[in-house]
Amino acid sequence: ELLGPLAAVALISQTHPTLPAPSV
């Protein structure tokens, strides 16, 4: 529950490396 959201953001950044980053 605590780390799931961080893992989701990390996976998105790894699978979409050219996607501009938002504020998180």
PDBML (XML) file of the C-alpha atoms, coordinates in Angstrom:
<?xml version="1.0" encoding="UTF-8" ?>
<PDBx:datablock datablockName="MODEL"
   xmlns:PDBx="http://pdbml.pdb.org/schema/pdbx-v50.xsd"
   xmlns:xsi="http://www.w3.org/2001/XMLSchema-instance"
   xsi:schemaLocation="http://pdbml.pdb.org/schema/pdbx-v50.xsd pdbx-v50.xsd">
   <PDBx:atom_siteCategory>
      <PDBx:atom_site id="1">
         <PDBx:B_iso_or_equiv>0.00</PDBx:B_iso_or_equiv>
         <PDBx:Cartn_x>0.000</PDBx:Cartn_x>
         <PDBx:Cartn_y>0.000</PDBx:Cartn_y>
         <PDBx:Cartn_z>0.000</PDBx:Cartn_z>
         <PDBx:auth_asym_id>A</PDBx:auth_asym_id>
         <PDBx:auth_atom_id>CA</PDBx:auth_atom_id>
         <PDBx:auth_comp_id>GLU</PDBx:auth_comp_id>
         <PDBx:auth_seq_id>1</PDBx:auth_seq_id>
         <PDBx:group_PDB>ATOM</PDBx:group_PDB>
         <PDBx:label_alt_id xsi:nil="true" />
         <PDBx:label_asym_id>A</PDBx:label_asym_id>
         <PDBx:label_atom_id>CA</PDBx:label_atom_id>
         <PDBx:label_comp_id>GLU</PDBx:label_comp_id>
         <PDBx:label_entity_id>1</PDBx:label_entity_id>
         <PDBx:label_seq_id>1</PDBx:label_seq_id>
         <PDBx:occupancy>1.00</PDBx:occupancy>
         <PDBx:pdbx_PDB_model_num>1</PDBx:pdbx_PDB_model_num>
         <PDBx:type_symbol>C</PDBx:type_symbol>
      </PDBx:atom_site>
      <PDBx:atom_site id="2">
         <PDBx:B_iso_or_equiv>0.00</PDBx:B_iso_or_equiv>
         <PDBx:Cartn_x>2.807</PDBx:Cartn_x>
         <PDBx:Cartn_y>2.393</PDBx:Cartn_y>
         <PDBx:Cartn_z>0.854</PDBx:Cartn_z>
         <PDBx:auth_asym_id>A</PDBx:auth_asym_id>
         <PDBx:auth_atom_id>CA</PDBx:auth_atom_id>
         <PDBx:auth_comp_id>LEU</PDBx:auth_comp_id>
         <PDBx:auth_seq_id>2</PDBx:auth_seq_id>
         <PDBx:group_PDB>ATOM</PDBx:group_PDB>
         <PDBx:label_alt_id xsi:nil="true" />
         <PDBx:label_asym_id>A</PDBx:label_asym_id>
         <PDBx:label_atom_id>CA</PDBx:label_atom_id>
         <PDBx:label_comp_id>LEU</PDBx:label_comp_id>
         <PDBx:label_entity_id>1</PDBx:label_entity_id>
         <PDBx:label_seq_id>2</PDBx:label_seq_id>
         <PDBx:occupancy>1.00</PDBx:occupancy>
         <PDBx:pdbx_PDB_model_num>1</PDBx:pdbx_PDB_model_num>
         <PDBx:type_symbol>C</PDBx:type_symbol>
      </PDBx:atom_site>
      <PDBx:atom_site id="3">
         <PDBx:B_iso_or_equiv>0.00</PDBx:B_iso_or_equiv>
         <PDBx:Cartn_x>5.217</PDBx:Cartn_x>
         <PDBx:Cartn_y>1.668</PDBx:Cartn_y>
         <PDBx:Cartn_z>-2.005</PDBx:Cartn_z>
         <PDBx:auth_asym_id>A</PDBx:auth_asym_id>
         <PDBx:auth_atom_id>CA</PDBx:auth_atom_id>
         <PDBx:auth_comp_id>LEU</PDBx:auth_comp_id>
         <PDBx:auth_seq_id>3</PDBx:auth_seq_id>
         <PDBx:group_PDB>ATOM</PDBx:group_PDB>
         <PDBx:label_alt_id xsi:nil="true" />
         <PDBx:label_asym_id>A</PDBx:label_asym_id>
         <PDBx:label_atom_id>CA</PDBx:label_atom_id>
         <PDBx:label_comp_id>LEU</PDBx:label_comp_id>
         <PDBx:label_entity_id>1</PDBx:label_entity_id>
         <PDBx:label_seq_id>3</PDBx:label_seq_id>
         <PDBx:occupancy>1.00</PDBx:occupancy>
         <PDBx:pdbx_PDB_model_num>1</PDBx:pdbx_PDB_model_num>
         <PDBx:type_symbol>C</PDBx:type_symbol>
      </PDBx:atom_site>
      <PDBx:atom_site id="4">
         <PDBx:B_iso_or_equiv>0.00</PDBx:B_iso_or_equiv>
         <PDBx:Cartn_x>2.720</PDBx:Cartn_x>
         <PDBx:Cartn_y>0.694</PDBx:Cartn_y>
         <PDBx:Cartn_z>-4.739</PDBx:Cartn_z>
         <PDBx:auth_asym_id>A</PDBx:auth_asym_id>
         <PDBx:auth_atom_id>CA</PDBx:auth_atom_id>
         <PDBx:auth_comp_id>GLY</PDBx:auth_comp_id>
         <PDBx:auth_seq_id>4</PDBx:auth_seq_id>
         <PDBx:group_PDB>ATOM</PDBx:group_PDB>
         <PDBx:label_alt_id xsi:nil="true" />
         <PDBx:label_asym_id>A</PDBx:label_asym_id>
         <PDBx:label_atom_id>CA</PDBx:label_atom_id>
         <PDBx:label_comp_id>GLY</PDBx:label_comp_id>
         <PDBx:label_entity_id>1</PDBx:label_entity_id>
         <PDBx:label_seq_id>4</PDBx:label_seq_id>
         <PDBx:occupancy>1.00</PDBx:occupancy>
         <PDBx:pdbx_PDB_model_num>1</PDBx:pdbx_PDB_model_num>
         <PDBx:type_symbol>C</PDBx:type_symbol>
      </PDBx:atom_site>
      <PDBx:atom_site id="5">
         <PDBx:B_iso_or_equiv>0.00</PDBx:B_iso_or_equiv>
         <PDBx:Cartn_x>2.192</PDBx:Cartn_x>
         <PDBx:Cartn_y>4.282</PDBx:Cartn_y>
         <PDBx:Cartn_z>-5.914</PDBx:Cartn_z>
         <PDBx:auth_asym_id>A</PDBx:auth_asym_id>
         <PDBx:auth_atom_id>CA</PDBx:auth_atom_id>
         <PDBx:auth_comp_id>PRO</PDBx:auth_comp_id>
         <PDBx:auth_seq_id>5</PDBx:auth_seq_id>
         <PDBx:group_PDB>ATOM</PDBx:group_PDB>
         <PDBx:label_alt_id xsi:nil="true" />
         <PDBx:label_asym_id>A</PDBx:label_asym_id>
         <PDBx:label_atom_id>CA</PDBx:label_atom_id>
         <PDBx:label_comp_id>PRO</PDBx:label_comp_id>
         <PDBx:label_entity_id>1</PDBx:label_entity_id>
         <PDBx:label_seq_id>5</PDBx:label_seq_id>
         <PDBx:occupancy>1.00</PDBx:occupancy>
         <PDBx:pdbx_PDB_model_num>1</PDBx:pdbx_PDB_model_num>
         <PDBx:type_symbol>C</PDBx:type_symbol>
      </PDBx:atom_site>
      <PDBx:atom_site id="6">
         <PDBx:B_iso_or_equiv>0.00</PDBx:B_iso_or_equiv>
         <PDBx:Cartn_x>5.957</PDBx:Cartn_x>
         <PDBx:Cartn_y>4.895</PDBx:Cartn_y>
         <PDBx:Cartn_z>-6.059</PDBx:Cartn_z>
         <PDBx:auth_asym_id>A</PDBx:auth_asym_id>
         <PDBx:auth_atom_id>CA</PDBx:auth_atom_id>
         <PDBx:auth_comp_id>LEU</PDBx:auth_comp_id>
         <PDBx:auth_seq_id>6</PDBx:auth_seq_id>
         <PDBx:group_PDB>ATOM</PDBx:group_PDB>
         <PDBx:label_alt_id xsi:nil="true" />
         <PDBx:label_asym_id>A</PDBx:label_asym_id>
         <PDBx:label_atom_id>CA</PDBx:label_atom_id>
         <PDBx:label_comp_id>LEU</PDBx:label_comp_id>
         <PDBx:label_entity_id>1</PDBx:label_entity_id>
         <PDBx:label_seq_id>6</PDBx:label_seq_id>
         <PDBx:occupancy>1.00</PDBx:occupancy>
         <PDBx:pdbx_PDB_model_num>1</PDBx:pdbx_PDB_model_num>
         <PDBx:type_symbol>C</PDBx:type_symbol>
      </PDBx:atom_site>
      <PDBx:atom_site id="7">
         <PDBx:B_iso_or_equiv>0.00</PDBx:B_iso_or_equiv>
         <PDBx:Cartn_x>6.426</PDBx:Cartn_x>
         <PDBx:Cartn_y>1.670</PDBx:Cartn_y>
         <PDBx:Cartn_z>-8.014</PDBx:Cartn_z>
         <PDBx:auth_asym_id>A</PDBx:auth_asym_id>
         <PDBx:auth_atom_id>CA</PDBx:auth_atom_id>
         <PDBx:auth_comp_id>ALA</PDBx:auth_comp_id>
         <PDBx:auth_seq_id>7</PDBx:auth_seq_id>
         <PDBx:group_PDB>ATOM</PDBx:group_PDB>
         <PDBx:label_alt_id xsi:nil="true" />
         <PDBx:label_asym_id>A</PDBx:label_asym_id>
         <PDBx:label_atom_id>CA</PDBx:label_atom_id>
         <PDBx:label_comp_id>ALA</PDBx:label_comp_id>
         <PDBx:label_entity_id>1</PDBx:label_entity_id>
         <PDBx:label_seq_id>7</PDBx:label_seq_id>
         <PDBx:occupancy>1.00</PDBx:occupancy>
         <PDBx:pdbx_PDB_model_num>1</PDBx:pdbx_PDB_model_num>
         <PDBx:type_symbol>C</PDBx:type_symbol>
      </PDBx:atom_site>
      <PDBx:atom_site id="8">
         <PDBx:B_iso_or_equiv>0.00</PDBx:B_iso_or_equiv>
         <PDBx:Cartn_x>3.686</PDBx:Cartn_x>
         <PDBx:Cartn_y>2.692</PDBx:Cartn_y>
         <PDBx:Cartn_z>-10.465</PDBx:Cartn_z>
         <PDBx:auth_asym_id>A</PDBx:auth_asym_id>
         <PDBx:auth_atom_id>CA</PDBx:auth_atom_id>
         <PDBx:auth_comp_id>ALA</PDBx:auth_comp_id>
         <PDBx:auth_seq_id>8</PDBx:auth_seq_id>
         <PDBx:group_PDB>ATOM</PDBx:group_PDB>
         <PDBx:label_alt_id xsi:nil="true" />
         <PDBx:label_asym_id>A</PDBx:label_asym_id>
         <PDBx:label_atom_id>CA</PDBx:label_atom_id>
         <PDBx:label_comp_id>ALA</PDBx:label_comp_id>
         <PDBx:label_entity_id>1</PDBx:label_entity_id>
         <PDBx:label_seq_id>8</PDBx:label_seq_id>
         <PDBx:occupancy>1.00</PDBx:occupancy>
         <PDBx:pdbx_PDB_model_num>1</PDBx:pdbx_PDB_model_num>
         <PDBx:type_symbol>C</PDBx:type_symbol>
      </PDBx:atom_site>
      <PDBx:atom_site id="9">
         <PDBx:B_iso_or_equiv>0.00</PDBx:B_iso_or_equiv>
         <PDBx:Cartn_x>5.401</PDBx:Cartn_x>
         <PDBx:Cartn_y>6.024</PDBx:Cartn_y>
         <PDBx:Cartn_z>-11.175</PDBx:Cartn_z>
         <PDBx:auth_asym_id>A</PDBx:auth_asym_id>
         <PDBx:auth_atom_id>CA</PDBx:auth_atom_id>
         <PDBx:auth_comp_id>VAL</PDBx:auth_comp_id>
         <PDBx:auth_seq_id>9</PDBx:auth_seq_id>
         <PDBx:group_PDB>ATOM</PDBx:group_PDB>
         <PDBx:label_alt_id xsi:nil="true" />
         <PDBx:label_asym_id>A</PDBx:label_asym_id>
         <PDBx:label_atom_id>CA</PDBx:label_atom_id>
         <PDBx:label_comp_id>VAL</PDBx:label_comp_id>
         <PDBx:label_entity_id>1</PDBx:label_entity_id>
         <PDBx:label_seq_id>9</PDBx:label_seq_id>
         <PDBx:occupancy>1.00</PDBx:occupancy>
         <PDBx:pdbx_PDB_model_num>1</PDBx:pdbx_PDB_model_num>
         <PDBx:type_symbol>C</PDBx:type_symbol>
      </PDBx:atom_site>
      <PDBx:atom_site id="10">
         <PDBx:B_iso_or_equiv>0.00</PDBx:B_iso_or_equiv>
         <PDBx:Cartn_x>8.773</PDBx:Cartn_x>
         <PDBx:Cartn_y>4.285</PDBx:Cartn_y>
         <PDBx:Cartn_z>-11.536</PDBx:Cartn_z>
         <PDBx:auth_asym_id>A</PDBx:auth_asym_id>
         <PDBx:auth_atom_id>CA</PDBx:auth_atom_id>
         <PDBx:auth_comp_id>ALA</PDBx:auth_comp_id>
         <PDBx:auth_seq_id>10</PDBx:auth_seq_id>
         <PDBx:group_PDB>ATOM</PDBx:group_PDB>
         <PDBx:label_alt_id xsi:nil="true" />
         <PDBx:label_asym_id>A</PDBx:label_asym_id>
         <PDBx:label_atom_id>CA</PDBx:label_atom_id>
         <PDBx:label_comp_id>ALA</PDBx:label_comp_id>
         <PDBx:label_entity_id>1</PDBx:label_entity_id>
         <PDBx:label_seq_id>10</PDBx:label_seq_id>
         <PDBx:occupancy>1.00</PDBx:occupancy>
         <PDBx:pdbx_PDB_model_num>1</PDBx:pdbx_PDB_model_num>
         <PDBx:type_symbol>C</PDBx:type_symbol>
      </PDBx:atom_site>
      <PDBx:atom_site id="11">
         <PDBx:B_iso_or_equiv>0.00</PDBx:B_iso_or_equiv>
         <PDBx:Cartn_x>7.326</PDBx:Cartn_x>
         <PDBx:Cartn_y>1.727</PDBx:Cartn_y>
         <PDBx:Cartn_z>-13.985</PDBx:Cartn_z>
         <PDBx:auth_asym_id>A</PDBx:auth_asym_id>
         <PDBx:auth_atom_id>CA</PDBx:auth_atom_id>
         <PDBx:auth_comp_id>LEU</PDBx:auth_comp_id>
         <PDBx:auth_seq_id>11</PDBx:auth_seq_id>
         <PDBx:group_PDB>ATOM</PDBx:group_PDB>
         <PDBx:label_alt_id xsi:nil="true" />
         <PDBx:label_asym_id>A</PDBx:label_asym_id>
         <PDBx:label_atom_id>CA</PDBx:label_atom_id>
         <PDBx:label_comp_id>LEU</PDBx:label_comp_id>
         <PDBx:label_entity_id>1</PDBx:label_entity_id>
         <PDBx:label_seq_id>11</PDBx:label_seq_id>
         <PDBx:occupancy>1.00</PDBx:occupancy>
         <PDBx:pdbx_PDB_model_num>1</PDBx:pdbx_PDB_model_num>
         <PDBx:type_symbol>C</PDBx:type_symbol>
      </PDBx:atom_site>
      <PDBx:atom_site id="12">
         <PDBx:B_iso_or_equiv>0.00</PDBx:B_iso_or_equiv>
         <PDBx:Cartn_x>5.687</PDBx:Cartn_x>
         <PDBx:Cartn_y>4.446</PDBx:Cartn_y>
         <PDBx:Cartn_z>-16.065</PDBx:Cartn_z>
         <PDBx:auth_asym_id>A</PDBx:auth_asym_id>
         <PDBx:auth_atom_id>CA</PDBx:auth_atom_id>
         <PDBx:auth_comp_id>ILE</PDBx:auth_comp_id>
         <PDBx:auth_seq_id>12</PDBx:auth_seq_id>
         <PDBx:group_PDB>ATOM</PDBx:group_PDB>
         <PDBx:label_alt_id xsi:nil="true" />
         <PDBx:label_asym_id>A</PDBx:label_asym_id>
         <PDBx:label_atom_id>CA</PDBx:label_atom_id>
         <PDBx:label_comp_id>ILE</PDBx:label_comp_id>
         <PDBx:label_entity_id>1</PDBx:label_entity_id>
         <PDBx:label_seq_id>12</PDBx:label_seq_id>
         <PDBx:occupancy>1.00</PDBx:occupancy>
         <PDBx:pdbx_PDB_model_num>1</PDBx:pdbx_PDB_model_num>
         <PDBx:type_symbol>C</PDBx:type_symbol>
      </PDBx:atom_site>
      <PDBx:atom_site id="13">
         <PDBx:B_iso_or_equiv>0.00</PDBx:B_iso_or_equiv>
         <PDBx:Cartn_x>8.984</PDBx:Cartn_x>
         <PDBx:Cartn_y>6.342</PDBx:Cartn_y>
         <PDBx:Cartn_z>-16.241</PDBx:Cartn_z>
         <PDBx:auth_asym_id>A</PDBx:auth_asym_id>
         <PDBx:auth_atom_id>CA</PDBx:auth_atom_id>
         <PDBx:auth_comp_id>SER</PDBx:auth_comp_id>
         <PDBx:auth_seq_id>13</PDBx:auth_seq_id>
         <PDBx:group_PDB>ATOM</PDBx:group_PDB>
         <PDBx:label_alt_id xsi:nil="true" />
         <PDBx:label_asym_id>A</PDBx:label_asym_id>
         <PDBx:label_atom_id>CA</PDBx:label_atom_id>
         <PDBx:label_comp_id>SER</PDBx:label_comp_id>
         <PDBx:label_entity_id>1</PDBx:label_entity_id>
         <PDBx:label_seq_id>13</PDBx:label_seq_id>
         <PDBx:occupancy>1.00</PDBx:occupancy>
         <PDBx:pdbx_PDB_model_num>1</PDBx:pdbx_PDB_model_num>
         <PDBx:type_symbol>C</PDBx:type_symbol>
      </PDBx:atom_site>
      <PDBx:atom_site id="14">
         <PDBx:B_iso_or_equiv>0.00</PDBx:B_iso_or_equiv>
         <PDBx:Cartn_x>10.841</PDBx:Cartn_x>
         <PDBx:Cartn_y>3.190</PDBx:Cartn_y>
         <PDBx:Cartn_z>-17.323</PDBx:Cartn_z>
         <PDBx:auth_asym_id>A</PDBx:auth_asym_id>
         <PDBx:auth_atom_id>CA</PDBx:auth_atom_id>
         <PDBx:auth_comp_id>GLN</PDBx:auth_comp_id>
         <PDBx:auth_seq_id>14</PDBx:auth_seq_id>
         <PDBx:group_PDB>ATOM</PDBx:group_PDB>
         <PDBx:label_alt_id xsi:nil="true" />
         <PDBx:label_asym_id>A</PDBx:label_asym_id>
         <PDBx:label_atom_id>CA</PDBx:label_atom_id>
         <PDBx:label_comp_id>GLN</PDBx:label_comp_id>
         <PDBx:label_entity_id>1</PDBx:label_entity_id>
         <PDBx:label_seq_id>14</PDBx:label_seq_id>
         <PDBx:occupancy>1.00</PDBx:occupancy>
         <PDBx:pdbx_PDB_model_num>1</PDBx:pdbx_PDB_model_num>
         <PDBx:type_symbol>C</PDBx:type_symbol>
      </PDBx:atom_site>
      <PDBx:atom_site id="15">
         <PDBx:B_iso_or_equiv>0.00</PDBx:B_iso_or_equiv>
         <PDBx:Cartn_x>8.321</PDBx:Cartn_x>
         <PDBx:Cartn_y>2.136</PDBx:Cartn_y>
         <PDBx:Cartn_z>-19.975</PDBx:Cartn_z>
         <PDBx:auth_asym_id>A</PDBx:auth_asym_id>
         <PDBx:auth_atom_id>CA</PDBx:auth_atom_id>
         <PDBx:auth_comp_id>THR</PDBx:auth_comp_id>
         <PDBx:auth_seq_id>15</PDBx:auth_seq_id>
         <PDBx:group_PDB>ATOM</PDBx:group_PDB>
         <PDBx:label_alt_id xsi:nil="true" />
         <PDBx:label_asym_id>A</PDBx:label_asym_id>
         <PDBx:label_atom_id>CA</PDBx:label_atom_id>
         <PDBx:label_comp_id>THR</PDBx:label_comp_id>
         <PDBx:label_entity_id>1</PDBx:label_entity_id>
         <PDBx:label_seq_id>15</PDBx:label_seq_id>
         <PDBx:occupancy>1.00</PDBx:occupancy>
         <PDBx:pdbx_PDB_model_num>1</PDBx:pdbx_PDB_model_num>
         <PDBx:type_symbol>C</PDBx:type_symbol>
      </PDBx:atom_site>
      <PDBx:atom_site id="16">
         <PDBx:B_iso_or_equiv>0.00</PDBx:B_iso_or_equiv>
         <PDBx:Cartn_x>7.744</PDBx:Cartn_x>
         <PDBx:Cartn_y>5.679</PDBx:Cartn_y>
         <PDBx:Cartn_z>-21.333</PDBx:Cartn_z>
         <PDBx:auth_asym_id>A</PDBx:auth_asym_id>
         <PDBx:auth_atom_id>CA</PDBx:auth_atom_id>
         <PDBx:auth_comp_id>HIS</PDBx:auth_comp_id>
         <PDBx:auth_seq_id>16</PDBx:auth_seq_id>
         <PDBx:group_PDB>ATOM</PDBx:group_PDB>
         <PDBx:label_alt_id xsi:nil="true" />
         <PDBx:label_asym_id>A</PDBx:label_asym_id>
         <PDBx:label_atom_id>CA</PDBx:label_atom_id>
         <PDBx:label_comp_id>HIS</PDBx:label_comp_id>
         <PDBx:label_entity_id>1</PDBx:label_entity_id>
         <PDBx:label_seq_id>16</PDBx:label_seq_id>
         <PDBx:occupancy>1.00</PDBx:occupancy>
         <PDBx:pdbx_PDB_model_num>1</PDBx:pdbx_PDB_model_num>
         <PDBx:type_symbol>C</PDBx:type_symbol>
      </PDBx:atom_site>
      <PDBx:atom_site id="17">
         <PDBx:B_iso_or_equiv>0.00</PDBx:B_iso_or_equiv>
         <PDBx:Cartn_x>11.175</PDBx:Cartn_x>
         <PDBx:Cartn_y>7.355</PDBx:Cartn_y>
         <PDBx:Cartn_z>-20.984</PDBx:Cartn_z>
         <PDBx:auth_asym_id>A</PDBx:auth_asym_id>
         <PDBx:auth_atom_id>CA</PDBx:auth_atom_id>
         <PDBx:auth_comp_id>PRO</PDBx:auth_comp_id>
         <PDBx:auth_seq_id>17</PDBx:auth_seq_id>
         <PDBx:group_PDB>ATOM</PDBx:group_PDB>
         <PDBx:label_alt_id xsi:nil="true" />
         <PDBx:label_asym_id>A</PDBx:label_asym_id>
         <PDBx:label_atom_id>CA</PDBx:label_atom_id>
         <PDBx:label_comp_id>PRO</PDBx:label_comp_id>
         <PDBx:label_entity_id>1</PDBx:label_entity_id>
         <PDBx:label_seq_id>17</PDBx:label_seq_id>
         <PDBx:occupancy>1.00</PDBx:occupancy>
         <PDBx:pdbx_PDB_model_num>1</PDBx:pdbx_PDB_model_num>
         <PDBx:type_symbol>C</PDBx:type_symbol>
      </PDBx:atom_site>
      <PDBx:atom_site id="18">
         <PDBx:B_iso_or_equiv>0.00</PDBx:B_iso_or_equiv>
         <PDBx:Cartn_x>10.431</PDBx:Cartn_x>
         <PDBx:Cartn_y>10.226</PDBx:Cartn_y>
         <PDBx:Cartn_z>-23.393</PDBx:Cartn_z>
         <PDBx:auth_asym_id>A</PDBx:auth_asym_id>
         <PDBx:auth_atom_id>CA</PDBx:auth_atom_id>
         <PDBx:auth_comp_id>THR</PDBx:auth_comp_id>
         <PDBx:auth_seq_id>18</PDBx:auth_seq_id>
         <PDBx:group_PDB>ATOM</PDBx:group_PDB>
         <PDBx:label_alt_id xsi:nil="true" />
         <PDBx:label_asym_id>A</PDBx:label_asym_id>
         <PDBx:label_atom_id>CA</PDBx:label_atom_id>
         <PDBx:label_comp_id>THR</PDBx:label_comp_id>
         <PDBx:label_entity_id>1</PDBx:label_entity_id>
         <PDBx:label_seq_id>18</PDBx:label_seq_id>
         <PDBx:occupancy>1.00</PDBx:occupancy>
         <PDBx:pdbx_PDB_model_num>1</PDBx:pdbx_PDB_model_num>
         <PDBx:type_symbol>C</PDBx:type_symbol>
      </PDBx:atom_site>
      <PDBx:atom_site id="19">
         <PDBx:B_iso_or_equiv>0.00</PDBx:B_iso_or_equiv>
         <PDBx:Cartn_x>7.121</PDBx:Cartn_x>
         <PDBx:Cartn_y>11.185</PDBx:Cartn_y>
         <PDBx:Cartn_z>-21.784</PDBx:Cartn_z>
         <PDBx:auth_asym_id>A</PDBx:auth_asym_id>
         <PDBx:auth_atom_id>CA</PDBx:auth_atom_id>
         <PDBx:auth_comp_id>LEU</PDBx:auth_comp_id>
         <PDBx:auth_seq_id>19</PDBx:auth_seq_id>
         <PDBx:group_PDB>ATOM</PDBx:group_PDB>
         <PDBx:label_alt_id xsi:nil="true" />
         <PDBx:label_asym_id>A</PDBx:label_asym_id>
         <PDBx:label_atom_id>CA</PDBx:label_atom_id>
         <PDBx:label_comp_id>LEU</PDBx:label_comp_id>
         <PDBx:label_entity_id>1</PDBx:label_entity_id>
         <PDBx:label_seq_id>19</PDBx:label_seq_id>
         <PDBx:occupancy>1.00</PDBx:occupancy>
         <PDBx:pdbx_PDB_model_num>1</PDBx:pdbx_PDB_model_num>
         <PDBx:type_symbol>C</PDBx:type_symbol>
      </PDBx:atom_site>
      <PDBx:atom_site id="20">
         <PDBx:B_iso_or_equiv>0.00</PDBx:B_iso_or_equiv>
         <PDBx:Cartn_x>7.349</PDBx:Cartn_x>
         <PDBx:Cartn_y>14.623</PDBx:Cartn_y>
         <PDBx:Cartn_z>-20.115</PDBx:Cartn_z>
         <PDBx:auth_asym_id>A</PDBx:auth_asym_id>
         <PDBx:auth_atom_id>CA</PDBx:auth_atom_id>
         <PDBx:auth_comp_id>PRO</PDBx:auth_comp_id>
         <PDBx:auth_seq_id>20</PDBx:auth_seq_id>
         <PDBx:group_PDB>ATOM</PDBx:group_PDB>
         <PDBx:label_alt_id xsi:nil="true" />
         <PDBx:label_asym_id>A</PDBx:label_asym_id>
         <PDBx:label_atom_id>CA</PDBx:label_atom_id>
         <PDBx:label_comp_id>PRO</PDBx:label_comp_id>
         <PDBx:label_entity_id>1</PDBx:label_entity_id>
         <PDBx:label_seq_id>20</PDBx:label_seq_id>
         <PDBx:occupancy>1.00</PDBx:occupancy>
         <PDBx:pdbx_PDB_model_num>1</PDBx:pdbx_PDB_model_num>
         <PDBx:type_symbol>C</PDBx:type_symbol>
      </PDBx:atom_site>
      <PDBx:atom_site id="21">
         <PDBx:B_iso_or_equiv>0.00</PDBx:B_iso_or_equiv>
         <PDBx:Cartn_x>7.186</PDBx:Cartn_x>
         <PDBx:Cartn_y>14.293</PDBx:Cartn_y>
         <PDBx:Cartn_z>-16.349</PDBx:Cartn_z>
         <PDBx:auth_asym_id>A</PDBx:auth_asym_id>
         <PDBx:auth_atom_id>CA</PDBx:auth_atom_id>
         <PDBx:auth_comp_id>ALA</PDBx:auth_comp_id>
         <PDBx:auth_seq_id>21</PDBx:auth_seq_id>
         <PDBx:group_PDB>ATOM</PDBx:group_PDB>
         <PDBx:label_alt_id xsi:nil="true" />
         <PDBx:label_asym_id>A</PDBx:label_asym_id>
         <PDBx:label_atom_id>CA</PDBx:label_atom_id>
         <PDBx:label_comp_id>ALA</PDBx:label_comp_id>
         <PDBx:label_entity_id>1</PDBx:label_entity_id>
         <PDBx:label_seq_id>21</PDBx:label_seq_id>
         <PDBx:occupancy>1.00</PDBx:occupancy>
         <PDBx:pdbx_PDB_model_num>1</PDBx:pdbx_PDB_model_num>
         <PDBx:type_symbol>C</PDBx:type_symbol>
      </PDBx:atom_site>
      <PDBx:atom_site id="22">
         <PDBx:B_iso_or_equiv>0.00</PDBx:B_iso_or_equiv>
         <PDBx:Cartn_x>4.410</PDBx:Cartn_x>
         <PDBx:Cartn_y>15.907</PDBx:Cartn_y>
         <PDBx:Cartn_z>-14.369</PDBx:Cartn_z>
         <PDBx:auth_asym_id>A</PDBx:auth_asym_id>
         <PDBx:auth_atom_id>CA</PDBx:auth_atom_id>
         <PDBx:auth_comp_id>PRO</PDBx:auth_comp_id>
         <PDBx:auth_seq_id>22</PDBx:auth_seq_id>
         <PDBx:group_PDB>ATOM</PDBx:group_PDB>
         <PDBx:label_alt_id xsi:nil="true" />
         <PDBx:label_asym_id>A</PDBx:label_asym_id>
         <PDBx:label_atom_id>CA</PDBx:label_atom_id>
         <PDBx:label_comp_id>PRO</PDBx:label_comp_id>
         <PDBx:label_entity_id>1</PDBx:label_entity_id>
         <PDBx:label_seq_id>22</PDBx:label_seq_id>
         <PDBx:occupancy>1.00</PDBx:occupancy>
         <PDBx:pdbx_PDB_model_num>1</PDBx:pdbx_PDB_model_num>
         <PDBx:type_symbol>C</PDBx:type_symbol>
      </PDBx:atom_site>
      <PDBx:atom_site id="23">
         <PDBx:B_iso_or_equiv>0.00</PDBx:B_iso_or_equiv>
         <PDBx:Cartn_x>4.449</PDBx:Cartn_x>
         <PDBx:Cartn_y>17.012</PDBx:Cartn_y>
         <PDBx:Cartn_z>-10.757</PDBx:Cartn_z>
         <PDBx:auth_asym_id>A</PDBx:auth_asym_id>
         <PDBx:auth_atom_id>CA</PDBx:auth_atom_id>
         <PDBx:auth_comp_id>SER</PDBx:auth_comp_id>
         <PDBx:auth_seq_id>23</PDBx:auth_seq_id>
         <PDBx:group_PDB>ATOM</PDBx:group_PDB>
         <PDBx:label_alt_id xsi:nil="true" />
         <PDBx:label_asym_id>A</PDBx:label_asym_id>
         <PDBx:label_atom_id>CA</PDBx:label_atom_id>
         <PDBx:label_comp_id>SER</PDBx:label_comp_id>
         <PDBx:label_entity_id>1</PDBx:label_entity_id>
         <PDBx:label_seq_id>23</PDBx:label_seq_id>
         <PDBx:occupancy>1.00</PDBx:occupancy>
         <PDBx:pdbx_PDB_model_num>1</PDBx:pdbx_PDB_model_num>
         <PDBx:type_symbol>C</PDBx:type_symbol>
      </PDBx:atom_site>
      <PDBx:atom_site id="24">
         <PDBx:B_iso_or_equiv>0.00</PDBx:B_iso_or_equiv>
         <PDBx:Cartn_x>3.832</PDBx:Cartn_x>
         <PDBx:Cartn_y>13.892</PDBx:Cartn_y>
         <PDBx:Cartn_z>-8.683</PDBx:Cartn_z>
         <PDBx:auth_asym_id>A</PDBx:auth_asym_id>
         <PDBx:auth_atom_id>CA</PDBx:auth_atom_id>
         <PDBx:auth_comp_id>VAL</PDBx:auth_comp_id>
         <PDBx:auth_seq_id>24</PDBx:auth_seq_id>
         <PDBx:group_PDB>ATOM</PDBx:group_PDB>
         <PDBx:label_alt_id xsi:nil="true" />
         <PDBx:label_asym_id>A</PDBx:label_asym_id>
         <PDBx:label_atom_id>CA</PDBx:label_atom_id>
         <PDBx:label_comp_id>VAL</PDBx:label_comp_id>
         <PDBx:label_entity_id>1</PDBx:label_entity_id>
         <PDBx:label_seq_id>24</PDBx:label_seq_id>
         <PDBx:occupancy>1.00</PDBx:occupancy>
         <PDBx:pdbx_PDB_model_num>1</PDBx:pdbx_PDB_model_num>
         <PDBx:type_symbol>C</PDBx:type_symbol>
      </PDBx:atom_site>
   </PDBx:atom_siteCategory>
</PDBx:datablock>
